[in-house]
Amino acid sequence: MFDRSSTSEVTNVASPVVRSSARFFLVNVDTLGLIPVKITLMIPPLDILMVDPSGDLKWLELTRDIEAAKSRLKVLGAAMPGKYVIFSHRSGNRRFFTVDASGDVSEGVE
């Protein structure tokens, strides 16, 4: 059931959304009035991080899948050769890669 007491006003939004709660948005639909609509946000599941010389991780970007991440490593590595980590939000797994100045990517174990 939708709890109207937990809603708050939304300002500066260029859409028909007028109120929101943690899970639902109330949408003004001309003759129907306000109706609750559930919205799911999609966040790309993989982070690409670079390992700096001190061993700290520097976040670079998000990507949708491992093939896209490896493709990005080629481009990133050509500009910034070094060690990289691809982190999966879904599984929590980390994969380690080394990229040389020519963009060659090799997977390793850390």
PDB file of N, CA and C in Angstrom:
ATOM      1  N   MET A   1       0.838  -1.171   0.000  1.00  0.00           N
ATOM      2  CA  MET A   1       0.000   0.000   0.000  1.00  0.00           C
ATOM      3  C   MET A   1       0.882   1.233   0.000  1.00  0.00           C
ATOM      4  N   PHE A   2       0.510   2.241  -0.665  1.00  0.00           N
ATOM      5  CA  PHE A   2       1.282   3.474  -0.762  1.00  0.00           C
ATOM      6  C   PHE A   2       0.974   4.367   0.437  1.00  0.00           C
ATOM      7  N   ASP A   3       2.018   4.803   1.127  1.00  0.00           N
ATOM      8  CA  ASP A   3       1.865   5.638   2.309  1.00  0.00           C
ATOM      9  C   ASP A   3       2.068   7.097   1.925  1.00  0.00           C
ATOM     10  N   ARG A   4       0.998   7.883   1.875  1.00  0.00           N
ATOM     11  CA  ARG A   4       1.098   9.286   1.474  1.00  0.00           C
ATOM     12  C   ARG A   4       1.771  10.149   2.538  1.00  0.00           C
ATOM     13  N   SER A   5       1.851   9.674   3.758  1.00  0.00           N
ATOM     14  CA  SER A   5       2.463  10.475   4.816  1.00  0.00           C
ATOM     15  C   SER A   5       3.967  10.585   4.660  1.00  0.00           C
ATOM     16  N   SER A   6       4.588   9.677   3.891  1.00  0.00           N
ATOM     17  CA  SER A   6       6.046   9.708   3.722  1.00  0.00           C
ATOM     18  C   SER A   6       6.472  10.470   2.474  1.00  0.00           C
ATOM     19  N   THR A   7       5.547  11.124   1.802  1.00  0.00           N
ATOM     20  CA  THR A   7       5.904  11.847   0.591  1.00  0.00           C
ATOM     21  C   THR A   7       6.458  13.216   0.922  1.00  0.00           C
ATOM     22  N   SER A   8       7.227  13.751  -0.018  1.00  0.00           N
ATOM     23  CA  SER A   8       7.747  15.105   0.123  1.00  0.00           C
ATOM     24  C   SER A   8       7.658  15.790  -1.230  1.00  0.00           C
ATOM     25  N   GLU A   9       7.583  17.104  -1.205  1.00  0.00           N
ATOM     26  CA  GLU A   9       7.476  17.862  -2.452  1.00  0.00           C
ATOM     27  C   GLU A   9       8.784  17.776  -3.235  1.00  0.00           C
ATOM     28  N   VAL A  10       8.689  17.661  -4.537  1.00  0.00           N
ATOM     29  CA  VAL A  10       9.845  17.672  -5.427  1.00  0.00           C
ATOM     30  C   VAL A  10       9.827  18.999  -6.156  1.00  0.00           C
ATOM     31  N   THR A  11      10.961  19.705  -6.137  1.00  0.00           N
ATOM     32  CA  THR A  11      11.011  20.994  -6.805  1.00  0.00           C
ATOM     33  C   THR A  11      12.041  20.960  -7.921  1.00  0.00           C
ATOM     34  N   ASN A  12      11.918  21.895  -8.841  1.00  0.00           N
ATOM     35  CA  ASN A  12      12.848  22.034  -9.963  1.00  0.00           C
ATOM     36  C   ASN A  12      12.964  20.772 -10.806  1.00  0.00           C
ATOM     37  N   VAL A  13      11.857  20.101 -11.035  1.00  0.00           N
ATOM     38  CA  VAL A  13      11.857  18.896 -11.863  1.00  0.00           C
ATOM     39  C   VAL A  13      11.032  19.186 -13.108  1.00  0.00           C
ATOM     40  N   ALA A  14      11.648  19.022 -14.276  1.00  0.00           N
ATOM     41  CA  ALA A  14      10.948  19.305 -15.528  1.00  0.00           C
ATOM     42  C   ALA A  14      10.228  18.054 -16.009  1.00  0.00           C
ATOM     43  N   SER A  15       9.289  17.565 -15.217  1.00  0.00           N
ATOM     44  CA  SER A  15       8.510  16.385 -15.571  1.00  0.00           C
ATOM     45  C   SER A  15       7.189  16.463 -14.815  1.00  0.00           C
ATOM     46  N   PRO A  16       6.274  15.533 -15.085  1.00  0.00           N
ATOM     47  CA  PRO A  16       5.002  15.570 -14.383  1.00  0.00           C
ATOM     48  C   PRO A  16       5.069  15.039 -12.957  1.00  0.00           C
ATOM     49  N   VAL A  17       6.251  14.673 -12.451  1.00  0.00           N
ATOM     50  CA  VAL A  17       6.364  14.150 -11.094  1.00  0.00           C
ATOM     51  C   VAL A  17       6.118  15.282 -10.107  1.00  0.00           C
ATOM     52  N   VAL A  18       5.226  15.050  -9.134  1.00  0.00           N
ATOM     53  CA  VAL A  18       4.928  16.101  -8.173  1.00  0.00           C
ATOM     54  C   VAL A  18       5.317  15.742  -6.746  1.00  0.00           C
ATOM     55  N   ARG A  19       5.331  14.494  -6.382  1.00  0.00           N
ATOM     56  CA  ARG A  19       5.726  14.059  -5.045  1.00  0.00           C
ATOM     57  C   ARG A  19       6.482  12.746  -5.147  1.00  0.00           C
ATOM     58  N   SER A  20       7.334  12.468  -4.141  1.00  0.00           N
ATOM     59  CA  SER A  20       8.050  11.196  -4.171  1.00  0.00           C
ATOM     60  C   SER A  20       8.143  10.601  -2.781  1.00  0.00           C
ATOM     61  N   SER A  21       8.372   9.303  -2.725  1.00  0.00           N
ATOM     62  CA  SER A  21       8.683   8.601  -1.489  1.00  0.00           C
ATOM     63  C   SER A  21       9.901   7.743  -1.781  1.00  0.00           C
ATOM     64  N   ALA A  22      10.277   6.882  -0.862  1.00  0.00           N
ATOM     65  CA  ALA A  22      11.470   6.064  -1.053  1.00  0.00           C
ATOM     66  C   ALA A  22      11.363   5.146  -2.268  1.00  0.00           C
ATOM     67  N   ARG A  23      10.165   4.660  -2.558  1.00  0.00           N
ATOM     68  CA  ARG A  23      10.019   3.689  -3.638  1.00  0.00           C
ATOM     69  C   ARG A  23       9.126   4.147  -4.784  1.00  0.00           C
ATOM     70  N   PHE A  24       8.259   5.063  -4.538  1.00  0.00           N
ATOM     71  CA  PHE A  24       7.267   5.420  -5.539  1.00  0.00           C
ATOM     72  C   PHE A  24       7.305   6.906  -5.852  1.00  0.00           C
ATOM     73  N   PHE A  25       6.839   7.260  -7.022  1.00  0.00           N
ATOM     74  CA  PHE A  25       6.623   8.639  -7.403  1.00  0.00           C
ATOM     75  C   PHE A  25       5.138   8.798  -7.681  1.00  0.00           C
ATOM     76  N   LEU A  26       4.580   9.917  -7.290  1.00  0.00           N
ATOM     77  CA  LEU A  26       3.203  10.225  -7.657  1.00  0.00           C
ATOM     78  C   LEU A  26       3.250  11.039  -8.937  1.00  0.00           C
ATOM     79  N   VAL A  27       2.592  10.558  -9.969  1.00  0.00           N
ATOM     80  CA  VAL A  27       2.620  11.199 -11.279  1.00  0.00           C
ATOM     81  C   VAL A  27       1.249  11.783 -11.567  1.00  0.00           C
ATOM     82  N   ASN A  28       1.227  13.040 -11.986  1.00  0.00           N
ATOM     83  CA  ASN A  28      -0.023  13.705 -12.324  1.00  0.00           C
ATOM     84  C   ASN A  28      -0.384  13.359 -13.760  1.00  0.00           C
ATOM     85  N   VAL A  29      -1.455  12.625 -13.942  1.00  0.00           N
ATOM     86  CA  VAL A  29      -1.900  12.222 -15.274  1.00  0.00           C
ATOM     87  C   VAL A  29      -3.261  12.881 -15.511  1.00  0.00           C
ATOM     88  N   ASP A  30      -3.231  13.981 -16.276  1.00  0.00           N
ATOM     89  CA  ASP A  30      -4.386  14.845 -16.553  1.00  0.00           C
ATOM     90  C   ASP A  30      -5.681  14.480 -15.816  1.00  0.00           C
ATOM     91  N   THR A  31      -6.513  13.627 -16.383  1.00  0.00           N
ATOM     92  CA  THR A  31      -7.829  13.360 -15.819  1.00  0.00           C
ATOM     93  C   THR A  31      -7.816  12.311 -14.718  1.00  0.00           C
ATOM     94  N   LEU A  32      -6.740  11.554 -14.601  1.00  0.00           N
ATOM     95  CA  LEU A  32      -6.695  10.488 -13.605  1.00  0.00           C
ATOM     96  C   LEU A  32      -6.244  10.977 -12.230  1.00  0.00           C
ATOM     97  N   GLY A  33      -5.649  12.155 -12.167  1.00  0.00           N
ATOM     98  CA  GLY A  33      -5.156  12.649 -10.888  1.00  0.00           C
ATOM     99  C   GLY A  33      -3.793  12.043 -10.581  1.00  0.00           C
ATOM    100  N   LEU A  34      -3.495  11.878  -9.298  1.00  0.00           N
ATOM    101  CA  LEU A  34      -2.204  11.345  -8.889  1.00  0.00           C
ATOM    102  C   LEU A  34      -2.259   9.827  -8.779  1.00  0.00           C
ATOM    103  N   ILE A  35      -1.297   9.154  -9.411  1.00  0.00           N
ATOM    104  CA  ILE A  35      -1.215   7.697  -9.322  1.00  0.00           C
ATOM    105  C   ILE A  35       0.216   7.311  -8.961  1.00  0.00           C
ATOM    106  N   PRO A  36       0.414   6.294  -8.105  1.00  0.00           N
ATOM    107  CA  PRO A  36       1.775   5.866  -7.760  1.00  0.00           C
ATOM    108  C   PRO A  36       2.393   5.055  -8.901  1.00  0.00           C
ATOM    109  N   VAL A  37       3.655   5.342  -9.218  1.00  0.00           N
ATOM    110  CA  VAL A  37       4.374   4.636 -10.274  1.00  0.00           C
ATOM    111  C   VAL A  37       5.713   4.204  -9.706  1.00  0.00           C
ATOM    112  N   LYS A  38       6.035   2.921  -9.797  1.00  0.00           N
ATOM    113  CA  LYS A  38       7.319   2.426  -9.305  1.00  0.00           C
ATOM    114  C   LYS A  38       8.372   2.626 -10.386  1.00  0.00           C
ATOM    115  N   ILE A  39       9.533   3.167 -10.003  1.00  0.00           N
ATOM    116  CA  ILE A  39      10.621   3.414 -10.938  1.00  0.00           C
ATOM    117  C   ILE A  39      11.858   2.659 -10.471  1.00  0.00           C
ATOM    118  N   THR A  40      12.477   1.902 -11.383  1.00  0.00           N
ATOM    119  CA  THR A  40      13.702   1.170 -11.081  1.00  0.00           C
ATOM    120  C   THR A  40      14.858   1.851 -11.780  1.00  0.00           C
ATOM    121  N   LEU A  41      15.907   2.181 -11.034  1.00  0.00           N
ATOM    122  CA  LEU A  41      17.087   2.805 -11.613  1.00  0.00           C
ATOM    123  C   LEU A  41      18.093   1.734 -12.011  1.00  0.00           C
ATOM    124  N   MET A  42      18.690   1.898 -13.188  1.00  0.00           N
ATOM    125  CA  MET A  42      19.716   0.966 -13.649  1.00  0.00           C
ATOM    126  C   MET A  42      21.088   1.595 -13.465  1.00  0.00           C
ATOM    127  N   ILE A  43      21.944   0.948 -12.702  1.00  0.00           N
ATOM    128  CA  ILE A  43      23.313   1.389 -12.520  1.00  0.00           C
ATOM    129  C   ILE A  43      24.196   0.344 -13.185  1.00  0.00           C
ATOM    130  N   PRO A  44      25.107   0.771 -14.074  1.00  0.00           N
ATOM    131  CA  PRO A  44      25.992  -0.227 -14.687  1.00  0.00           C
ATOM    132  C   PRO A  44      26.681  -1.053 -13.608  1.00  0.00           C
ATOM    133  N   PRO A  45      26.761  -2.367 -13.804  1.00  0.00           N
ATOM    134  CA  PRO A  45      27.206  -3.261 -12.736  1.00  0.00           C
ATOM    135  C   PRO A  45      28.710  -3.334 -12.494  1.00  0.00           C
ATOM    136  N   LEU A  46      29.550  -2.742 -13.345  1.00  0.00           N
ATOM    137  CA  LEU A  46      30.996  -2.873 -13.176  1.00  0.00           C
ATOM    138  C   LEU A  46      31.679  -1.526 -13.009  1.00  0.00           C
ATOM    139  N   ASP A  47      32.603  -1.453 -12.046  1.00  0.00           N
ATOM    140  CA  ASP A  47      33.461  -0.289 -11.865  1.00  0.00           C
ATOM    141  C   ASP A  47      34.824  -0.592 -12.466  1.00  0.00           C
ATOM    142  N   ILE A  48      35.436   0.406 -13.092  1.00  0.00           N
ATOM    143  CA  ILE A  48      36.827   0.303 -13.536  1.00  0.00           C
ATOM    144  C   ILE A  48      37.639   1.207 -12.623  1.00  0.00           C
ATOM    145  N   LEU A  49      38.661   0.620 -11.992  1.00  0.00           N
ATOM    146  CA  LEU A  49      39.527   1.355 -11.081  1.00  0.00           C
ATOM    147  C   LEU A  49      40.974   1.180 -11.514  1.00  0.00           C
ATOM    148  N   MET A  50      41.791   2.198 -11.272  1.00  0.00           N
ATOM    149  CA  MET A  50      43.222   2.113 -11.565  1.00  0.00           C
ATOM    150  C   MET A  50      43.972   2.011 -10.246  1.00  0.00           C
ATOM    151  N   VAL A  51      45.011   1.176 -10.230  1.00  0.00           N
ATOM    152  CA  VAL A  51      45.856   1.048  -9.048  1.00  0.00           C
ATOM    153  C   VAL A  51      46.980   2.069  -9.202  1.00  0.00           C
ATOM    154  N   ASP A  52      47.049   3.047  -8.277  1.00  0.00           N
ATOM    155  CA  ASP A  52      48.110   4.051  -8.392  1.00  0.00           C
ATOM    156  C   ASP A  52      49.426   3.490  -7.841  1.00  0.00           C
ATOM    157  N   PRO A  53      50.539   4.182  -8.036  1.00  0.00           N
ATOM    158  CA  PRO A  53      51.846   3.658  -7.610  1.00  0.00           C
ATOM    159  C   PRO A  53      51.935   3.306  -6.113  1.00  0.00           C
ATOM    160  N   SER A  54      51.137   3.979  -5.278  1.00  0.00           N
ATOM    161  CA  SER A  54      51.169   3.667  -3.841  1.00  0.00           C
ATOM    162  C   SER A  54      50.280   2.478  -3.484  1.00  0.00           C
ATOM    163  N   GLY A  55      49.540   1.942  -4.477  1.00  0.00           N
ATOM    164  CA  GLY A  55      48.673   0.796  -4.246  1.00  0.00           C
ATOM    165  C   GLY A  55      47.230   1.154  -3.961  1.00  0.00           C
ATOM    166  N   ASP A  56      46.931   2.445  -3.897  1.00  0.00           N
ATOM    167  CA  ASP A  56      45.546   2.883  -3.685  1.00  0.00           C
ATOM    168  C   ASP A  56      44.758   2.762  -4.985  1.00  0.00           C
ATOM    169  N   LEU A  57      43.441   2.573  -4.843  1.00  0.00           N
ATOM    170  CA  LEU A  57      42.565   2.470  -6.007  1.00  0.00           C
ATOM    171  C   LEU A  57      41.966   3.828  -6.329  1.00  0.00           C
ATOM    172  N   LYS A  58      41.952   4.156  -7.617  1.00  0.00           N
ATOM    173  CA  LYS A  58      41.343   5.398  -8.107  1.00  0.00           C
ATOM    174  C   LYS A  58      40.203   5.008  -9.039  1.00  0.00           C
ATOM    175  N   TRP A  59      38.972   5.401  -8.673  1.00  0.00           N
ATOM    176  CA  TRP A  59      37.815   5.079  -9.490  1.00  0.00           C
ATOM    177  C   TRP A  59      37.872   5.880 -10.789  1.00  0.00           C
ATOM    178  N   LEU A  60      37.594   5.192 -11.923  1.00  0.00           N
ATOM    179  CA  LEU A  60      37.622   5.861 -13.221  1.00  0.00           C
ATOM    180  C   LEU A  60      36.246   5.982 -13.851  1.00  0.00           C
ATOM    181  N   GLU A  61      35.531   4.854 -13.953  1.00  0.00           N
ATOM    182  CA  GLU A  61      34.228   4.900 -14.619  1.00  0.00           C
ATOM    183  C   GLU A  61      33.446   3.631 -14.401  1.00  0.00           C
ATOM    184  N   LEU A  62      32.179   3.633 -14.851  1.00  0.00           N
ATOM    185  CA  LEU A  62      31.286   2.476 -14.819  1.00  0.00           C
ATOM    186  C   LEU A  62      31.167   1.896 -16.213  1.00  0.00           C
ATOM    187  N   THR A  63      30.865   0.615 -16.290  1.00  0.00           N
ATOM    188  CA  THR A  63      30.622  -0.017 -17.584  1.00  0.00           C
ATOM    189  C   THR A  63      29.587  -1.128 -17.423  1.00  0.00           C
ATOM    190  N   ARG A  64      28.983  -1.527 -18.540  1.00  0.00           N
ATOM    191  CA  ARG A  64      27.846  -2.449 -18.481  1.00  0.00           C
ATOM    192  C   ARG A  64      28.228  -3.918 -18.392  1.00  0.00           C
ATOM    193  N   ASP A  65      29.359  -4.337 -18.987  1.00  0.00           N
ATOM    194  CA  ASP A  65      29.736  -5.746 -18.963  1.00  0.00           C
ATOM    195  C   ASP A  65      31.256  -5.888 -19.100  1.00  0.00           C
ATOM    196  N   ILE A  66      31.746  -7.106 -18.939  1.00  0.00           N
ATOM    197  CA  ILE A  66      33.196  -7.333 -18.918  1.00  0.00           C
ATOM    198  C   ILE A  66      33.838  -7.045 -20.278  1.00  0.00           C
ATOM    199  N   GLU A  67      33.141  -7.317 -21.369  1.00  0.00           N
ATOM    200  CA  GLU A  67      33.705  -7.042 -22.694  1.00  0.00           C
ATOM    201  C   GLU A  67      33.894  -5.536 -22.900  1.00  0.00           C
ATOM    202  N   ALA A  68      32.893  -4.757 -22.491  1.00  0.00           N
ATOM    203  CA  ALA A  68      32.996  -3.303 -22.591  1.00  0.00           C
ATOM    204  C   ALA A  68      34.105  -2.782 -21.675  1.00  0.00           C
ATOM    205  N   ALA A  69      34.254  -3.387 -20.505  1.00  0.00           N
ATOM    206  CA  ALA A  69      35.308  -2.978 -19.567  1.00  0.00           C
ATOM    207  C   ALA A  69      36.693  -3.252 -20.152  1.00  0.00           C
ATOM    208  N   LYS A  70      36.879  -4.426 -20.755  1.00  0.00           N
ATOM    209  CA  LYS A  70      38.179  -4.745 -21.365  1.00  0.00           C
ATOM    210  C   LYS A  70      38.484  -3.806 -22.530  1.00  0.00           C
ATOM    211  N   SER A  71      37.470  -3.463 -23.298  1.00  0.00           N
ATOM    212  CA  SER A  71      37.645  -2.525 -24.399  1.00  0.00           C
ATOM    213  C   SER A  71      38.077  -1.156 -23.872  1.00  0.00           C
ATOM    214  N   ARG A  72      37.455  -0.712 -22.786  1.00  0.00           N
ATOM    215  CA  ARG A  72      37.838   0.564 -22.172  1.00  0.00           C
ATOM    216  C   ARG A  72      39.250   0.510 -21.595  1.00  0.00           C
ATOM    217  N   LEU A  73      39.651  -0.659 -21.066  1.00  0.00           N
ATOM    218  CA  LEU A  73      41.007  -0.794 -20.525  1.00  0.00           C
ATOM    219  C   LEU A  73      42.057  -0.557 -21.607  1.00  0.00           C
ATOM    220  N   LYS A  74      41.787  -1.012 -22.820  1.00  0.00           N
ATOM    221  CA  LYS A  74      42.727  -0.787 -23.924  1.00  0.00           C
ATOM    222  C   LYS A  74      42.943   0.699 -24.158  1.00  0.00           C
ATOM    223  N   VAL A  75      41.848   1.456 -24.158  1.00  0.00           N
ATOM    224  CA  VAL A  75      41.920   2.901 -24.395  1.00  0.00           C
ATOM    225  C   VAL A  75      42.571   3.608 -23.205  1.00  0.00           C
ATOM    226  N   LEU A  76      42.099   3.282 -22.007  1.00  0.00           N
ATOM    227  CA  LEU A  76      42.645   3.915 -20.803  1.00  0.00           C
ATOM    228  C   LEU A  76      44.128   3.585 -20.624  1.00  0.00           C
ATOM    229  N   GLY A  77      44.479   2.320 -20.848  1.00  0.00           N
ATOM    230  CA  GLY A  77      45.852   1.873 -20.665  1.00  0.00           C
ATOM    231  C   GLY A  77      46.823   2.489 -21.647  1.00  0.00           C
ATOM    232  N   ALA A  78      46.368   2.783 -22.856  1.00  0.00           N
ATOM    233  CA  ALA A  78      47.243   3.424 -23.838  1.00  0.00           C
ATOM    234  C   ALA A  78      47.638   4.820 -23.350  1.00  0.00           C
ATOM    235  N   ALA A  79      46.726   5.494 -22.643  1.00  0.00           N
ATOM    236  CA  ALA A  79      47.012   6.821 -22.101  1.00  0.00           C
ATOM    237  C   ALA A  79      47.672   6.750 -20.725  1.00  0.00           C
ATOM    238  N   MET A  80      47.270   5.749 -19.938  1.00  0.00           N
ATOM    239  CA  MET A  80      47.788   5.594 -18.574  1.00  0.00           C
ATOM    240  C   MET A  80      48.121   4.122 -18.319  1.00  0.00           C
ATOM    241  N   PRO A  81      49.276   3.622 -18.820  1.00  0.00           N
ATOM    242  CA  PRO A  81      49.622   2.219 -18.608  1.00  0.00           C
ATOM    243  C   PRO A  81      49.710   1.899 -17.116  1.00  0.00           C
ATOM    244  N   GLY A  82      49.354   0.686 -16.773  1.00  0.00           N
ATOM    245  CA  GLY A  82      49.464   0.282 -15.367  1.00  0.00           C
ATOM    246  C   GLY A  82      48.515  -0.835 -15.016  1.00  0.00           C
ATOM    247  N   LYS A  83      48.243  -0.942 -13.713  1.00  0.00           N
ATOM    248  CA  LYS A  83      47.372  -1.990 -13.189  1.00  0.00           C
ATOM    249  C   LYS A  83      45.962  -1.434 -12.991  1.00  0.00           C
ATOM    250  N   TYR A  84      44.979  -2.273 -13.314  1.00  0.00           N
ATOM    251  CA  TYR A  84      43.572  -1.894 -13.209  1.00  0.00           C
ATOM    252  C   TYR A  84      42.793  -3.008 -12.523  1.00  0.00           C
ATOM    253  N   VAL A  85      41.658  -2.621 -11.942  1.00  0.00           N
ATOM    254  CA  VAL A  85      40.748  -3.574 -11.304  1.00  0.00           C
ATOM    255  C   VAL A  85      39.362  -3.339 -11.884  1.00  0.00           C
ATOM    256  N   ILE A  86      38.666  -4.430 -12.203  1.00  0.00           N
ATOM    257  CA  ILE A  86      37.259  -4.360 -12.584  1.00  0.00           C
ATOM    258  C   ILE A  86      36.487  -5.009 -11.448  1.00  0.00           C
ATOM    259  N   PHE A  87      35.595  -4.230 -10.850  1.00  0.00           N
ATOM    260  CA  PHE A  87      34.827  -4.673  -9.686  1.00  0.00           C
ATOM    261  C   PHE A  87      33.373  -4.859 -10.073  1.00  0.00           C
ATOM    262  N   SER A  88      32.801  -6.024  -9.723  1.00  0.00           N
ATOM    263  CA  SER A  88      31.399  -6.317 -10.012  1.00  0.00           C
ATOM    264  C   SER A  88      30.531  -5.988  -8.805  1.00  0.00           C
ATOM    265  N   HIS A  89      29.531  -5.118  -9.016  1.00  0.00           N
ATOM    266  CA  HIS A  89      28.587  -4.794  -7.947  1.00  0.00           C
ATOM    267  C   HIS A  89      27.680  -5.974  -7.633  1.00  0.00           C
ATOM    268  N   ARG A  90      27.385  -6.785  -8.614  1.00  0.00           N
ATOM    269  CA  ARG A  90      26.469  -7.918  -8.424  1.00  0.00           C
ATOM    270  C   ARG A  90      27.083  -9.018  -7.582  1.00  0.00           C
ATOM    271  N   SER A  91      28.321  -9.431  -7.939  1.00  0.00           N
ATOM    272  CA  SER A  91      28.939 -10.577  -7.258  1.00  0.00           C
ATOM    273  C   SER A  91      29.948 -10.179  -6.192  1.00  0.00           C
ATOM    274  N   GLY A  92      30.474  -8.948  -6.260  1.00  0.00           N
ATOM    275  CA  GLY A  92      31.525  -8.537  -5.335  1.00  0.00           C
ATOM    276  C   GLY A  92      32.907  -8.989  -5.775  1.00  0.00           C
ATOM    277  N   ASN A  93      32.983  -9.662  -6.938  1.00  0.00           N
ATOM    278  CA  ASN A  93      34.269 -10.160  -7.436  1.00  0.00           C
ATOM    279  C   ASN A  93      35.115  -9.036  -8.007  1.00  0.00           C
ATOM    280  N   ARG A  94      36.435  -9.225  -7.933  1.00  0.00           N
ATOM    281  CA  ARG A  94      37.392  -8.287  -8.526  1.00  0.00           C
ATOM    282  C   ARG A  94      38.261  -9.063  -9.514  1.00  0.00           C
ATOM    283  N   ARG A  95      38.490  -8.466 -10.672  1.00  0.00           N
ATOM    284  CA  ARG A  95      39.411  -9.029 -11.670  1.00  0.00           C
ATOM    285  C   ARG A  95      40.513  -8.014 -11.900  1.00  0.00           C
ATOM    286  N   PHE A  96      41.747  -8.496 -11.944  1.00  0.00           N
ATOM    287  CA  PHE A  96      42.918  -7.633 -12.031  1.00  0.00           C
ATOM    288  C   PHE A  96      43.532  -7.718 -13.420  1.00  0.00           C
ATOM    289  N   PHE A  97      43.932  -6.556 -13.943  1.00  0.00           N
ATOM    290  CA  PHE A  97      44.483  -6.474 -15.286  1.00  0.00           C
ATOM    291  C   PHE A  97      45.705  -5.565 -15.281  1.00  0.00           C
ATOM    292  N   THR A  98      46.625  -5.841 -16.211  1.00  0.00           N
ATOM    293  CA  THR A  98      47.750  -4.956 -16.471  1.00  0.00           C
ATOM    294  C   THR A  98      47.636  -4.528 -17.926  1.00  0.00           C
ATOM    295  N   VAL A  99      47.819  -3.232 -18.174  1.00  0.00           N
ATOM    296  CA  VAL A  99      47.717  -2.700 -19.532  1.00  0.00           C
ATOM    297  C   VAL A  99      48.997  -1.945 -19.814  1.00  0.00           C
ATOM    298  N   ASP A 100      49.632  -2.276 -20.967  1.00  0.00           N
ATOM    299  CA  ASP A 100      50.863  -1.566 -21.335  1.00  0.00           C
ATOM    300  C   ASP A 100      50.548  -0.374 -22.237  1.00  0.00           C
ATOM    301  N   ALA A 101      51.567   0.384 -22.583  1.00  0.00           N
ATOM    302  CA  ALA A 101      51.388   1.623 -23.352  1.00  0.00           C
ATOM    303  C   ALA A 101      50.803   1.394 -24.744  1.00  0.00           C
ATOM    304  N   SER A 102      50.955   0.165 -25.271  1.00  0.00           N
ATOM    305  CA  SER A 102      50.381  -0.117 -26.591  1.00  0.00           C
ATOM    306  C   SER A 102      48.904  -0.511 -26.493  1.00  0.00           C
ATOM    307  N   GLY A 103      48.382  -0.641 -25.253  1.00  0.00           N
ATOM    308  CA  GLY A 103      46.982  -1.007 -25.061  1.00  0.00           C
ATOM    309  C   GLY A 103      46.747  -2.488 -24.918  1.00  0.00           C
ATOM    310  N   ASP A 104      47.839  -3.283 -24.838  1.00  0.00           N
ATOM    311  CA  ASP A 104      47.685  -4.721 -24.646  1.00  0.00           C
ATOM    312  C   ASP A 104      47.236  -5.005 -23.208  1.00  0.00           C
ATOM    313  N   VAL A 105      46.162  -5.776 -23.069  1.00  0.00           N
ATOM    314  CA  VAL A 105      45.560  -6.075 -21.773  1.00  0.00           C
ATOM    315  C   VAL A 105      45.868  -7.514 -21.395  1.00  0.00           C
ATOM    316  N   SER A 106      46.413  -7.718 -20.185  1.00  0.00           N
ATOM    317  CA  SER A 106      46.641  -9.077 -19.694  1.00  0.00           C
ATOM    318  C   SER A 106      46.018  -9.197 -18.315  1.00  0.00           C
ATOM    319  N   GLU A 107      45.294 -10.300 -18.126  1.00  0.00           N
ATOM    320  CA  GLU A 107      44.621 -10.525 -16.839  1.00  0.00           C
ATOM    321  C   GLU A 107      45.592 -11.224 -15.912  1.00  0.00           C
ATOM    322  N   GLY A 108      45.577 -10.823 -14.652  1.00  0.00           N
ATOM    323  CA  GLY A 108      46.475 -11.424 -13.670  1.00  0.00           C
ATOM    324  C   GLY A 108      45.755 -11.676 -12.370  1.00  0.00           C
ATOM    325  N   VAL A 109      46.502 -12.177 -11.404  1.00  0.00           N
ATOM    326  CA  VAL A 109      45.973 -12.452 -10.075  1.00  0.00           C
ATOM    327  C   VAL A 109      46.650 -11.509  -9.109  1.00  0.00           C
ATOM    328  N   GLU A 110      45.880 -10.884  -8.235  1.00  0.00           N
ATOM    329  CA  GLU A 110      46.449  -9.960  -7.255  1.00  0.00           C
ATOM    330  C   GLU A 110      46.426 -10.600  -5.901  1.00  0.00           C
TER     331      GLU A 110
END
